[in-house]
Amino acid sequence: PDPERALWQGLAQLAVGLTHQRRGNARGAASVTRRGAAAIERYAA
């Protein structure tokens, strides 16, 4: 549902960031991981 879409998108992006990191793509890992963190941060509380 709309209120949680950014949460799940961000979690998926964190997994992609880890995928990039494990495959040696440092630039991709940093970029997508930052986007994922920004997406989920609003759900911290």
PDB file of all heavy atoms in Angstrom:
ATOM      1  N   PRO A   1       0.845  -1.198   0.000  1.00  0.00           N
ATOM      2  CA  PRO A   1       0.000   0.000   0.000  1.00  0.00           C
ATOM      3  C   PRO A   1       0.884   1.253   0.000  1.00  0.00           C
ATOM      4  O   PRO A   1       2.030   1.205   0.466  1.00  0.00           O
ATOM      5  CB  PRO A   1      -0.799  -0.121   1.300  1.00  0.00           C
ATOM      6  CG  PRO A   1      -0.005  -1.039   2.176  1.00  0.00           C
ATOM      7  CD  PRO A   1       0.767  -1.949   1.261  1.00  0.00           C
ATOM      8  N   ASP A   2       0.362   2.340  -0.507  1.00  0.00           N
ATOM      9  CA  ASP A   2       1.136   3.578  -0.664  1.00  0.00           C
ATOM     10  C   ASP A   2       1.957   3.990   0.559  1.00  0.00           C
ATOM     11  O   ASP A   2       3.111   4.361   0.404  1.00  0.00           O
ATOM     12  CB  ASP A   2       0.239   4.736  -1.106  1.00  0.00           C
ATOM     13  CG  ASP A   2       0.018   4.720  -2.610  1.00  0.00           C
ATOM     14  OD1 ASP A   2       0.803   4.067  -3.331  1.00  0.00           O
ATOM     15  OD2 ASP A   2      -0.948   5.346  -3.067  1.00  0.00           O
ATOM     16  N   PRO A   3       1.395   3.935   1.781  1.00  0.00           N
ATOM     17  CA  PRO A   3       2.191   4.409   2.920  1.00  0.00           C
ATOM     18  C   PRO A   3       3.487   3.618   3.144  1.00  0.00           C
ATOM     19  O   PRO A   3       4.403   4.107   3.789  1.00  0.00           O
ATOM     20  CB  PRO A   3       1.257   4.243   4.117  1.00  0.00           C
ATOM     21  CG  PRO A   3      -0.107   4.172   3.543  1.00  0.00           C
ATOM     22  CD  PRO A   3       0.036   3.576   2.174  1.00  0.00           C
ATOM     23  N   GLU A   4       3.565   2.389   2.619  1.00  0.00           N
ATOM     24  CA  GLU A   4       4.750   1.564   2.863  1.00  0.00           C
ATOM     25  C   GLU A   4       5.595   1.317   1.620  1.00  0.00           C
ATOM     26  O   GLU A   4       6.609   0.647   1.692  1.00  0.00           O
ATOM     27  CB  GLU A   4       4.339   0.210   3.451  1.00  0.00           C
ATOM     28  CG  GLU A   4       3.940   0.294   4.894  1.00  0.00           C
ATOM     29  CD  GLU A   4       3.885  -1.060   5.566  1.00  0.00           C
ATOM     30  OE1 GLU A   4       4.122  -2.107   4.911  1.00  0.00           O
ATOM     31  OE2 GLU A   4       3.608  -1.075   6.765  1.00  0.00           O
ATOM     32  N   ARG A   5       5.205   1.849   0.499  1.00  0.00           N
ATOM     33  CA  ARG A   5       5.952   1.564  -0.736  1.00  0.00           C
ATOM     34  C   ARG A   5       7.410   2.012  -0.647  1.00  0.00           C
ATOM     35  O   ARG A   5       8.306   1.285  -1.050  1.00  0.00           O
ATOM     36  CB  ARG A   5       5.280   2.219  -1.930  1.00  0.00           C
ATOM     37  CG  ARG A   5       3.964   1.527  -2.260  1.00  0.00           C
ATOM     38  CD  ARG A   5       3.450   1.961  -3.563  1.00  0.00           C
ATOM     39  NE  ARG A   5       3.717   0.796  -4.418  1.00  0.00           N
ATOM     40  CZ  ARG A   5       3.492   0.768  -5.689  1.00  0.00           C
ATOM     41  NH1 ARG A   5       3.048   1.820  -6.306  1.00  0.00           N
ATOM     42  NH2 ARG A   5       3.730  -0.328  -6.376  1.00  0.00           N
ATOM     43  N   ALA A   6       7.647   3.193  -0.124  1.00  0.00           N
ATOM     44  CA  ALA A   6       9.028   3.697  -0.031  1.00  0.00           C
ATOM     45  C   ALA A   6       9.871   2.820   0.901  1.00  0.00           C
ATOM     46  O   ALA A   6      11.064   2.634   0.657  1.00  0.00           O
ATOM     47  CB  ALA A   6       9.046   5.149   0.439  1.00  0.00           C
ATOM     48  N   LEU A   7       9.245   2.274   1.943  1.00  0.00           N
ATOM     49  CA  LEU A   7       9.958   1.385   2.856  1.00  0.00           C
ATOM     50  C   LEU A   7      10.471   0.154   2.108  1.00  0.00           C
ATOM     51  O   LEU A   7      11.655  -0.164   2.156  1.00  0.00           O
ATOM     52  CB  LEU A   7       9.040   0.958   4.004  1.00  0.00           C
ATOM     53  CG  LEU A   7       9.592  -0.131   4.923  1.00  0.00           C
ATOM     54  CD1 LEU A   7      10.732   0.401   5.765  1.00  0.00           C
ATOM     55  CD2 LEU A   7       8.478  -0.687   5.808  1.00  0.00           C
ATOM     56  N   TRP A   8       9.589  -0.517   1.414  1.00  0.00           N
ATOM     57  CA  TRP A   8       9.964  -1.740   0.691  1.00  0.00           C
ATOM     58  C   TRP A   8      10.915  -1.430  -0.458  1.00  0.00           C
ATOM     59  O   TRP A   8      11.840  -2.191  -0.727  1.00  0.00           O
ATOM     60  CB  TRP A   8       8.717  -2.480   0.220  1.00  0.00           C
ATOM     61  CG  TRP A   8       7.943  -3.025   1.374  1.00  0.00           C
ATOM     62  CD1 TRP A   8       6.802  -2.506   1.921  1.00  0.00           C
ATOM     63  CD2 TRP A   8       8.277  -4.162   2.171  1.00  0.00           C
ATOM     64  NE1 TRP A   8       6.418  -3.262   3.007  1.00  0.00           N
ATOM     65  CE2 TRP A   8       7.300  -4.282   3.175  1.00  0.00           C
ATOM     66  CE3 TRP A   8       9.320  -5.084   2.129  1.00  0.00           C
ATOM     67  CZ2 TRP A   8       7.322  -5.305   4.128  1.00  0.00           C
ATOM     68  CZ3 TRP A   8       9.340  -6.112   3.078  1.00  0.00           C
ATOM     69  CH2 TRP A   8       8.347  -6.207   4.062  1.00  0.00           C
ATOM     70  N   GLN A   9      10.703  -0.311  -1.119  1.00  0.00           N
ATOM     71  CA  GLN A   9      11.617   0.086  -2.190  1.00  0.00           C
ATOM     72  C   GLN A   9      13.018   0.304  -1.621  1.00  0.00           C
ATOM     73  O   GLN A   9      14.011  -0.148  -2.182  1.00  0.00           O
ATOM     74  CB  GLN A   9      11.122   1.350  -2.885  1.00  0.00           C
ATOM     75  CG  GLN A   9      12.032   1.791  -4.010  1.00  0.00           C
ATOM     76  CD  GLN A   9      11.562   3.062  -4.687  1.00  0.00           C
ATOM     77  OE1 GLN A   9      10.772   3.826  -4.139  1.00  0.00           O
ATOM     78  NE2 GLN A   9      12.034   3.286  -5.894  1.00  0.00           N
ATOM     79  N   GLY A  10      13.082   1.006  -0.508  1.00  0.00           N
ATOM     80  CA  GLY A  10      14.373   1.264   0.122  1.00  0.00           C
ATOM     81  C   GLY A  10      15.067  -0.007   0.571  1.00  0.00           C
ATOM     82  O   GLY A  10      16.273  -0.163   0.394  1.00  0.00           O
ATOM     83  N   LEU A  11      14.306  -0.943   1.135  1.00  0.00           N
ATOM     84  CA  LEU A  11      14.890  -2.223   1.547  1.00  0.00           C
ATOM     85  C   LEU A  11      15.441  -2.971   0.334  1.00  0.00           C
ATOM     86  O   LEU A  11      16.534  -3.541   0.384  1.00  0.00           O
ATOM     87  CB  LEU A  11      13.848  -3.081   2.278  1.00  0.00           C
ATOM     88  CG  LEU A  11      13.395  -2.565   3.641  1.00  0.00           C
ATOM     89  CD1 LEU A  11      12.237  -3.413   4.159  1.00  0.00           C
ATOM     90  CD2 LEU A  11      14.542  -2.534   4.635  1.00  0.00           C
ATOM     91  N   ALA A  12      14.679  -2.953  -0.759  1.00  0.00           N
ATOM     92  CA  ALA A  12      15.147  -3.600  -1.994  1.00  0.00           C
ATOM     93  C   ALA A  12      16.432  -2.935  -2.481  1.00  0.00           C
ATOM     94  O   ALA A  12      17.375  -3.613  -2.916  1.00  0.00           O
ATOM     95  CB  ALA A  12      14.054  -3.550  -3.060  1.00  0.00           C
ATOM     96  N   GLN A  13      16.492  -1.616  -2.381  1.00  0.00           N
ATOM     97  CA  GLN A  13      17.693  -0.897  -2.816  1.00  0.00           C
ATOM     98  C   GLN A  13      18.895  -1.244  -1.940  1.00  0.00           C
ATOM     99  O   GLN A  13      20.026  -1.347  -2.444  1.00  0.00           O
ATOM    100  CB  GLN A  13      17.445   0.615  -2.821  1.00  0.00           C
ATOM    101  CG  GLN A  13      16.529   1.038  -3.959  1.00  0.00           C
ATOM    102  CD  GLN A  13      16.115   2.488  -3.860  1.00  0.00           C
ATOM    103  OE1 GLN A  13      15.856   3.000  -2.772  1.00  0.00           O
ATOM    104  NE2 GLN A  13      16.038   3.149  -5.002  1.00  0.00           N
ATOM    105  N   LEU A  14      18.683  -1.434  -0.655  1.00  0.00           N
ATOM    106  CA  LEU A  14      19.787  -1.827   0.217  1.00  0.00           C
ATOM    107  C   LEU A  14      20.339  -3.186  -0.216  1.00  0.00           C
ATOM    108  O   LEU A  14      21.561  -3.386  -0.223  1.00  0.00           O
ATOM    109  CB  LEU A  14      19.353  -1.867   1.678  1.00  0.00           C
ATOM    110  CG  LEU A  14      18.992  -0.526   2.317  1.00  0.00           C
ATOM    111  CD1 LEU A  14      18.581  -0.738   3.770  1.00  0.00           C
ATOM    112  CD2 LEU A  14      20.123   0.471   2.220  1.00  0.00           C
ATOM    113  N   ALA A  15      19.446  -4.099  -0.584  1.00  0.00           N
ATOM    114  CA  ALA A  15      19.892  -5.416  -1.051  1.00  0.00           C
ATOM    115  C   ALA A  15      20.658  -5.290  -2.367  1.00  0.00           C
ATOM    116  O   ALA A  15      21.653  -5.987  -2.588  1.00  0.00           O
ATOM    117  CB  ALA A  15      18.708  -6.364  -1.192  1.00  0.00           C
ATOM    118  N   VAL A  16      20.221  -4.396  -3.245  1.00  0.00           N
ATOM    119  CA  VAL A  16      20.942  -4.156  -4.500  1.00  0.00           C
ATOM    120  C   VAL A  16      22.313  -3.551  -4.200  1.00  0.00           C
ATOM    121  O   VAL A  16      23.310  -3.927  -4.822  1.00  0.00           O
ATOM    122  CB  VAL A  16      20.131  -3.247  -5.455  1.00  0.00           C
ATOM    123  CG1 VAL A  16      20.971  -2.797  -6.636  1.00  0.00           C
ATOM    124  CG2 VAL A  16      18.895  -3.973  -5.942  1.00  0.00           C
ATOM    125  N   GLY A  17      22.360  -2.632  -3.251  1.00  0.00           N
ATOM    126  CA  GLY A  17      23.639  -2.047  -2.860  1.00  0.00           C
ATOM    127  C   GLY A  17      24.619  -3.106  -2.382  1.00  0.00           C
ATOM    128  O   GLY A  17      25.793  -3.094  -2.748  1.00  0.00           O
ATOM    129  N   LEU A  18      24.118  -4.037  -1.585  1.00  0.00           N
ATOM    130  CA  LEU A  18      24.973  -5.126  -1.107  1.00  0.00           C
ATOM    131  C   LEU A  18      25.400  -6.021  -2.276  1.00  0.00           C
ATOM    132  O   LEU A  18      26.542  -6.481  -2.332  1.00  0.00           O
ATOM    133  CB  LEU A  18      24.250  -5.932  -0.030  1.00  0.00           C
ATOM    134  CG  LEU A  18      25.077  -7.001   0.680  1.00  0.00           C
ATOM    135  CD1 LEU A  18      26.287  -6.398   1.378  1.00  0.00           C
ATOM    136  CD2 LEU A  18      24.213  -7.758   1.667  1.00  0.00           C
ATOM    137  N   THR A  19      24.490  -6.239  -3.212  1.00  0.00           N
ATOM    138  CA  THR A  19      24.832  -7.022  -4.411  1.00  0.00           C
ATOM    139  C   THR A  19      25.981  -6.357  -5.158  1.00  0.00           C
ATOM    140  O   THR A  19      26.969  -7.019  -5.522  1.00  0.00           O
ATOM    141  CB  THR A  19      23.601  -7.160  -5.335  1.00  0.00           C
ATOM    142  OG1 THR A  19      22.552  -7.829  -4.630  1.00  0.00           O
ATOM    143  CG2 THR A  19      23.933  -7.934  -6.593  1.00  0.00           C
ATOM    144  N   HIS A  20      25.862  -5.046  -5.390  1.00  0.00           N
ATOM    145  CA  HIS A  20      26.938  -4.317  -6.072  1.00  0.00           C
ATOM    146  C   HIS A  20      28.248  -4.417  -5.289  1.00  0.00           C
ATOM    147  O   HIS A  20      29.317  -4.632  -5.867  1.00  0.00           O
ATOM    148  CB  HIS A  20      26.568  -2.840  -6.258  1.00  0.00           C
ATOM    149  CG  HIS A  20      25.594  -2.580  -7.351  1.00  0.00           C
ATOM    150  ND1 HIS A  20      25.750  -3.049  -8.634  1.00  0.00           N
ATOM    151  CD2 HIS A  20      24.434  -1.877  -7.353  1.00  0.00           C
ATOM    152  CE1 HIS A  20      24.735  -2.639  -9.388  1.00  0.00           C
ATOM    153  NE2 HIS A  20      23.923  -1.939  -8.625  1.00  0.00           N
ATOM    154  N   GLN A  21      28.161  -4.241  -3.974  1.00  0.00           N
ATOM    155  CA  GLN A  21      29.358  -4.292  -3.140  1.00  0.00           C
ATOM    156  C   GLN A  21      30.032  -5.654  -3.238  1.00  0.00           C
ATOM    157  O   GLN A  21      31.238  -5.744  -3.408  1.00  0.00           O
ATOM    158  CB  GLN A  21      28.981  -3.973  -1.685  1.00  0.00           C
ATOM    159  CG  GLN A  21      30.162  -3.701  -0.798  1.00  0.00           C
ATOM    160  CD  GLN A  21      30.578  -4.888   0.047  1.00  0.00           C
ATOM    161  OE1 GLN A  21      29.951  -5.933   0.029  1.00  0.00           O
ATOM    162  NE2 GLN A  21      31.662  -4.712   0.777  1.00  0.00           N
ATOM    163  N   ARG A  22      29.249  -6.710  -3.159  1.00  0.00           N
ATOM    164  CA  ARG A  22      29.801  -8.063  -3.224  1.00  0.00           C
ATOM    165  C   ARG A  22      30.405  -8.361  -4.598  1.00  0.00           C
ATOM    166  O   ARG A  22      31.286  -9.192  -4.717  1.00  0.00           O
ATOM    167  CB  ARG A  22      28.727  -9.105  -2.893  1.00  0.00           C
ATOM    168  CG  ARG A  22      28.189  -9.038  -1.451  1.00  0.00           C
ATOM    169  CD  ARG A  22      29.283  -9.237  -0.418  1.00  0.00           C
ATOM    170  NE  ARG A  22      28.778  -9.665   0.864  1.00  0.00           N
ATOM    171  CZ  ARG A  22      28.911  -8.989   1.993  1.00  0.00           C
ATOM    172  NH1 ARG A  22      29.491  -7.820   2.011  1.00  0.00           N
ATOM    173  NH2 ARG A  22      28.453  -9.479   3.125  1.00  0.00           N
ATOM    174  N   ARG A  23      29.922  -7.685  -5.630  1.00  0.00           N
ATOM    175  CA  ARG A  23      30.425  -7.898  -6.989  1.00  0.00           C
ATOM    176  C   ARG A  23      31.564  -6.935  -7.348  1.00  0.00           C
ATOM    177  O   ARG A  23      32.028  -6.917  -8.479  1.00  0.00           O
ATOM    178  CB  ARG A  23      29.285  -7.754  -7.997  1.00  0.00           C
ATOM    179  CG  ARG A  23      28.256  -8.869  -7.886  1.00  0.00           C
ATOM    180  CD  ARG A  23      27.139  -8.692  -8.868  1.00  0.00           C
ATOM    181  NE  ARG A  23      26.164  -9.773  -8.755  1.00  0.00           N
ATOM    182  CZ  ARG A  23      25.001  -9.793  -9.369  1.00  0.00           C
ATOM    183  NH1 ARG A  23      24.657  -8.786 -10.164  1.00  0.00           N
ATOM    184  NH2 ARG A  23      24.183 -10.802  -9.212  1.00  0.00           N
ATOM    185  N   GLY A  24      31.972  -6.104  -6.383  1.00  0.00           N
ATOM    186  CA  GLY A  24      33.100  -5.219  -6.604  1.00  0.00           C
ATOM    187  C   GLY A  24      32.773  -3.893  -7.274  1.00  0.00           C
ATOM    188  O   GLY A  24      33.667  -3.170  -7.688  1.00  0.00           O
ATOM    189  N   ASN A  25      31.497  -3.560  -7.367  1.00  0.00           N
ATOM    190  CA  ASN A  25      31.080  -2.284  -7.958  1.00  0.00           C
ATOM    191  C   ASN A  25      30.899  -1.261  -6.838  1.00  0.00           C
ATOM    192  O   ASN A  25      29.790  -1.030  -6.359  1.00  0.00           O
ATOM    193  CB  ASN A  25      29.777  -2.473  -8.750  1.00  0.00           C
ATOM    194  CG  ASN A  25      29.249  -1.183  -9.352  1.00  0.00           C
ATOM    195  OD1 ASN A  25      29.815  -0.114  -9.173  1.00  0.00           O
ATOM    196  ND2 ASN A  25      28.143  -1.304 -10.060  1.00  0.00           N
ATOM    197  N   ALA A  26      32.001  -0.656  -6.416  1.00  0.00           N
ATOM    198  CA  ALA A  26      31.981   0.263  -5.273  1.00  0.00           C
ATOM    199  C   ALA A  26      31.091   1.472  -5.525  1.00  0.00           C
ATOM    200  O   ALA A  26      30.314   1.870  -4.656  1.00  0.00           O
ATOM    201  CB  ALA A  26      33.395   0.711  -4.932  1.00  0.00           C
ATOM    202  N   ARG A  27      31.199   2.061  -6.701  1.00  0.00           N
ATOM    203  CA  ARG A  27      30.407   3.258  -6.998  1.00  0.00           C
ATOM    204  C   ARG A  27      28.902   2.937  -6.961  1.00  0.00           C
ATOM    205  O   ARG A  27      28.119   3.665  -6.364  1.00  0.00           O
ATOM    206  CB  ARG A  27      30.797   3.814  -8.362  1.00  0.00           C
ATOM    207  CG  ARG A  27      29.922   4.964  -8.791  1.00  0.00           C
ATOM    208  CD  ARG A  27      30.281   5.426 -10.177  1.00  0.00           C
ATOM    209  NE  ARG A  27      30.953   6.700 -10.066  1.00  0.00           N
ATOM    210  CZ  ARG A  27      31.745   7.206 -10.962  1.00  0.00           C
ATOM    211  NH1 ARG A  27      32.015   6.543 -12.062  1.00  0.00           N
ATOM    212  NH2 ARG A  27      32.272   8.389 -10.787  1.00  0.00           N
ATOM    213  N   GLY A  28      28.494   1.853  -7.597  1.00  0.00           N
ATOM    214  CA  GLY A  28      27.090   1.450  -7.589  1.00  0.00           C
ATOM    215  C   GLY A  28      26.606   1.124  -6.193  1.00  0.00           C
ATOM    216  O   GLY A  28      25.492   1.467  -5.805  1.00  0.00           O
ATOM    217  N   ALA A  29      27.469   0.451  -5.426  1.00  0.00           N
ATOM    218  CA  ALA A  29      27.103   0.087  -4.055  1.00  0.00           C
ATOM    219  C   ALA A  29      26.824   1.331  -3.222  1.00  0.00           C
ATOM    220  O   ALA A  29      25.810   1.411  -2.526  1.00  0.00           O
ATOM    221  CB  ALA A  29      28.222  -0.734  -3.422  1.00  0.00           C
ATOM    222  N   ALA A  30      27.716   2.308  -3.291  1.00  0.00           N
ATOM    223  CA  ALA A  30      27.550   3.529  -2.495  1.00  0.00           C
ATOM    224  C   ALA A  30      26.302   4.288  -2.917  1.00  0.00           C
ATOM    225  O   ALA A  30      25.505   4.707  -2.078  1.00  0.00           O
ATOM    226  CB  ALA A  30      28.788   4.412  -2.636  1.00  0.00           C
ATOM    227  N   SER A  31      26.105   4.434  -4.208  1.00  0.00           N
ATOM    228  CA  SER A  31      24.990   5.223  -4.725  1.00  0.00           C
ATOM    229  C   SER A  31      23.631   4.630  -4.353  1.00  0.00           C
ATOM    230  O   SER A  31      22.775   5.307  -3.792  1.00  0.00           O
ATOM    231  CB  SER A  31      25.132   5.320  -6.251  1.00  0.00           C
ATOM    232  OG  SER A  31      23.981   5.868  -6.819  1.00  0.00           O
ATOM    233  N   VAL A  32      23.434   3.358  -4.656  1.00  0.00           N
ATOM    234  CA  VAL A  32      22.118   2.762  -4.422  1.00  0.00           C
ATOM    235  C   VAL A  32      21.868   2.543  -2.933  1.00  0.00           C
ATOM    236  O   VAL A  32      20.733   2.638  -2.463  1.00  0.00           O
ATOM    237  CB  VAL A  32      21.925   1.479  -5.264  1.00  0.00           C
ATOM    238  CG1 VAL A  32      22.695   0.317  -4.708  1.00  0.00           C
ATOM    239  CG2 VAL A  32      20.461   1.136  -5.412  1.00  0.00           C
ATOM    240  N   THR A  33      22.930   2.321  -2.172  1.00  0.00           N
ATOM    241  CA  THR A  33      22.774   2.155  -0.728  1.00  0.00           C
ATOM    242  C   THR A  33      22.334   3.474  -0.091  1.00  0.00           C
ATOM    243  O   THR A  33      21.463   3.486   0.784  1.00  0.00           O
ATOM    244  CB  THR A  33      24.078   1.639  -0.097  1.00  0.00           C
ATOM    245  OG1 THR A  33      24.394   0.377  -0.695  1.00  0.00           O
ATOM    246  CG2 THR A  33      23.941   1.459   1.387  1.00  0.00           C
ATOM    247  N   ARG A  34      22.922   4.579  -0.538  1.00  0.00           N
ATOM    248  CA  ARG A  34      22.494   5.891  -0.017  1.00  0.00           C
ATOM    249  C   ARG A  34      21.017   6.149  -0.342  1.00  0.00           C
ATOM    250  O   ARG A  34      20.271   6.662   0.495  1.00  0.00           O
ATOM    251  CB  ARG A  34      23.354   7.000  -0.606  1.00  0.00           C
ATOM    252  CG  ARG A  34      24.699   7.120   0.046  1.00  0.00           C
ATOM    253  CD  ARG A  34      25.450   8.374  -0.416  1.00  0.00           C
ATOM    254  NE  ARG A  34      26.819   8.311   0.035  1.00  0.00           N
ATOM    255  CZ  ARG A  34      27.859   8.003  -0.738  1.00  0.00           C
ATOM    256  NH1 ARG A  34      27.694   7.766  -2.027  1.00  0.00           N
ATOM    257  NH2 ARG A  34      29.069   7.953  -0.229  1.00  0.00           N
ATOM    258  N   ARG A  35      20.592   5.829  -1.562  1.00  0.00           N
ATOM    259  CA  ARG A  35      19.184   6.019  -1.944  1.00  0.00           C
ATOM    260  C   ARG A  35      18.261   5.156  -1.089  1.00  0.00           C
ATOM    261  O   ARG A  35      17.204   5.604  -0.652  1.00  0.00           O
ATOM    262  CB  ARG A  35      18.972   5.696  -3.429  1.00  0.00           C
ATOM    263  CG  ARG A  35      19.401   6.803  -4.355  1.00  0.00           C
ATOM    264  CD  ARG A  35      18.791   6.688  -5.749  1.00  0.00           C
ATOM    265  NE  ARG A  35      18.834   5.362  -6.334  1.00  0.00           N
ATOM    266  CZ  ARG A  35      19.831   4.872  -7.074  1.00  0.00           C
ATOM    267  NH1 ARG A  35      20.900   5.603  -7.314  1.00  0.00           N
ATOM    268  NH2 ARG A  35      19.764   3.653  -7.573  1.00  0.00           N
ATOM    269  N   GLY A  36      18.659   3.922  -0.859  1.00  0.00           N
ATOM    270  CA  GLY A  36      17.848   3.030  -0.039  1.00  0.00           C
ATOM    271  C   GLY A  36      17.716   3.538   1.388  1.00  0.00           C
ATOM    272  O   GLY A  36      16.627   3.539   1.961  1.00  0.00           O
ATOM    273  N   ALA A  37      18.825   3.997   1.944  1.00  0.00           N
ATOM    274  CA  ALA A  37      18.799   4.524   3.316  1.00  0.00           C
ATOM    275  C   ALA A  37      17.908   5.759   3.403  1.00  0.00           C
ATOM    276  O   ALA A  37      17.132   5.914   4.350  1.00  0.00           O
ATOM    277  CB  ALA A  37      20.207   4.840   3.789  1.00  0.00           C
ATOM    278  N   ALA A  38      18.002   6.638   2.408  1.00  0.00           N
ATOM    279  CA  ALA A  38      17.165   7.838   2.405  1.00  0.00           C
ATOM    280  C   ALA A  38      15.683   7.466   2.330  1.00  0.00           C
ATOM    281  O   ALA A  38      14.847   8.119   2.954  1.00  0.00           O
ATOM    282  CB  ALA A  38      17.552   8.743   1.234  1.00  0.00           C
ATOM    283  N   ALA A  39      15.369   6.416   1.596  1.00  0.00           N
ATOM    284  CA  ALA A  39      13.967   6.000   1.454  1.00  0.00           C
ATOM    285  C   ALA A  39      13.393   5.444   2.746  1.00  0.00           C
ATOM    286  O   ALA A  39      12.229   5.686   3.070  1.00  0.00           O
ATOM    287  CB  ALA A  39      13.833   4.970   0.331  1.00  0.00           C
ATOM    288  N   ILE A  40      14.203   4.692   3.508  1.00  0.00           N
ATOM    289  CA  ILE A  40      13.664   4.062   4.718  1.00  0.00           C
ATOM    290  C   ILE A  40      13.778   4.927   5.961  1.00  0.00           C
ATOM    291  O   ILE A  40      13.069   4.693   6.939  1.00  0.00           O
ATOM    292  CB  ILE A  40      14.293   2.680   4.983  1.00  0.00           C
ATOM    293  CG1 ILE A  40      15.757   2.789   5.398  1.00  0.00           C
ATOM    294  CG2 ILE A  40      14.100   1.753   3.792  1.00  0.00           C
ATOM    295  CD1 ILE A  40      16.371   1.499   5.913  1.00  0.00           C
ATOM    296  N   GLU A  41      14.653   5.936   5.930  1.00  0.00           N
ATOM    297  CA  GLU A  41      14.939   6.740   7.128  1.00  0.00           C
ATOM    298  C   GLU A  41      13.684   7.315   7.784  1.00  0.00           C
ATOM    299  O   GLU A  41      13.572   7.365   9.000  1.00  0.00           O
ATOM    300  CB  GLU A  41      15.906   7.857   6.764  1.00  0.00           C
ATOM    301  CG  GLU A  41      16.652   8.398   7.935  1.00  0.00           C
ATOM    302  CD  GLU A  41      17.858   9.217   7.500  1.00  0.00           C
ATOM    303  OE1 GLU A  41      17.898   9.700   6.354  1.00  0.00           O
ATOM    304  OE2 GLU A  41      18.755   9.368   8.332  1.00  0.00           O
ATOM    305  N   ARG A  42      12.732   7.719   6.985  1.00  0.00           N
ATOM    306  CA  ARG A  42      11.505   8.329   7.533  1.00  0.00           C
ATOM    307  C   ARG A  42      10.667   7.359   8.367  1.00  0.00           C
ATOM    308  O   ARG A  42       9.756   7.772   9.063  1.00  0.00           O
ATOM    309  CB  ARG A  42      10.666   8.916   6.410  1.00  0.00           C
ATOM    310  CG  ARG A  42       9.998   7.852   5.537  1.00  0.00           C
ATOM    311  CD  ARG A  42       9.308   8.423   4.343  1.00  0.00           C
ATOM    312  NE  ARG A  42      10.311   8.519   3.293  1.00  0.00           N
ATOM    313  CZ  ARG A  42      10.023   8.646   2.019  1.00  0.00           C
ATOM    314  NH1 ARG A  42       8.804   8.732   1.619  1.00  0.00           N
ATOM    315  NH2 ARG A  42      10.987   8.700   1.127  1.00  0.00           N
ATOM    316  N   TYR A  43      10.962   6.065   8.271  1.00  0.00           N
ATOM    317  CA  TYR A  43      10.206   5.054   9.019  1.00  0.00           C
ATOM    318  C   TYR A  43      10.868   4.701  10.350  1.00  0.00           C
ATOM    319  O   TYR A  43      10.390   3.823  11.061  1.00  0.00           O
ATOM    320  CB  TYR A  43      10.056   3.776   8.179  1.00  0.00           C
ATOM    321  CG  TYR A  43       9.283   3.972   6.904  1.00  0.00           C
ATOM    322  CD1 TYR A  43       9.927   4.279   5.715  1.00  0.00           C
ATOM    323  CD2 TYR A  43       7.894   3.865   6.892  1.00  0.00           C
ATOM    324  CE1 TYR A  43       9.217   4.464   4.536  1.00  0.00           C
ATOM    325  CE2 TYR A  43       7.175   4.044   5.714  1.00  0.00           C
ATOM    326  CZ  TYR A  43       7.840   4.343   4.540  1.00  0.00           C
ATOM    327  OH  TYR A  43       7.143   4.528   3.379  1.00  0.00           O
ATOM    328  N   ALA A  44      11.971   5.355  10.687  1.00  0.00           N
ATOM    329  CA  ALA A  44      12.750   4.986  11.875  1.00  0.00           C
ATOM    330  C   ALA A  44      11.931   5.041  13.161  1.00  0.00           C
ATOM    331  O   ALA A  44      12.042   4.150  14.006  1.00  0.00           O
ATOM    332  CB  ALA A  44      13.988   5.864  11.997  1.00  0.00           C
ATOM    333  N   ALA A  45      11.117   6.048  13.327  1.00  0.00           N
ATOM    334  CA  ALA A  45      10.342   6.184  14.565  1.00  0.00           C
ATOM    335  C   ALA A  45       9.245   5.129  14.668  1.00  0.00           C
ATOM    336  O   ALA A  45       8.856   4.734  15.764  1.00  0.00           O
ATOM    337  CB  ALA A  45       9.726   7.580  14.651  1.00  0.00           C
TER     338      ALA A  45
END
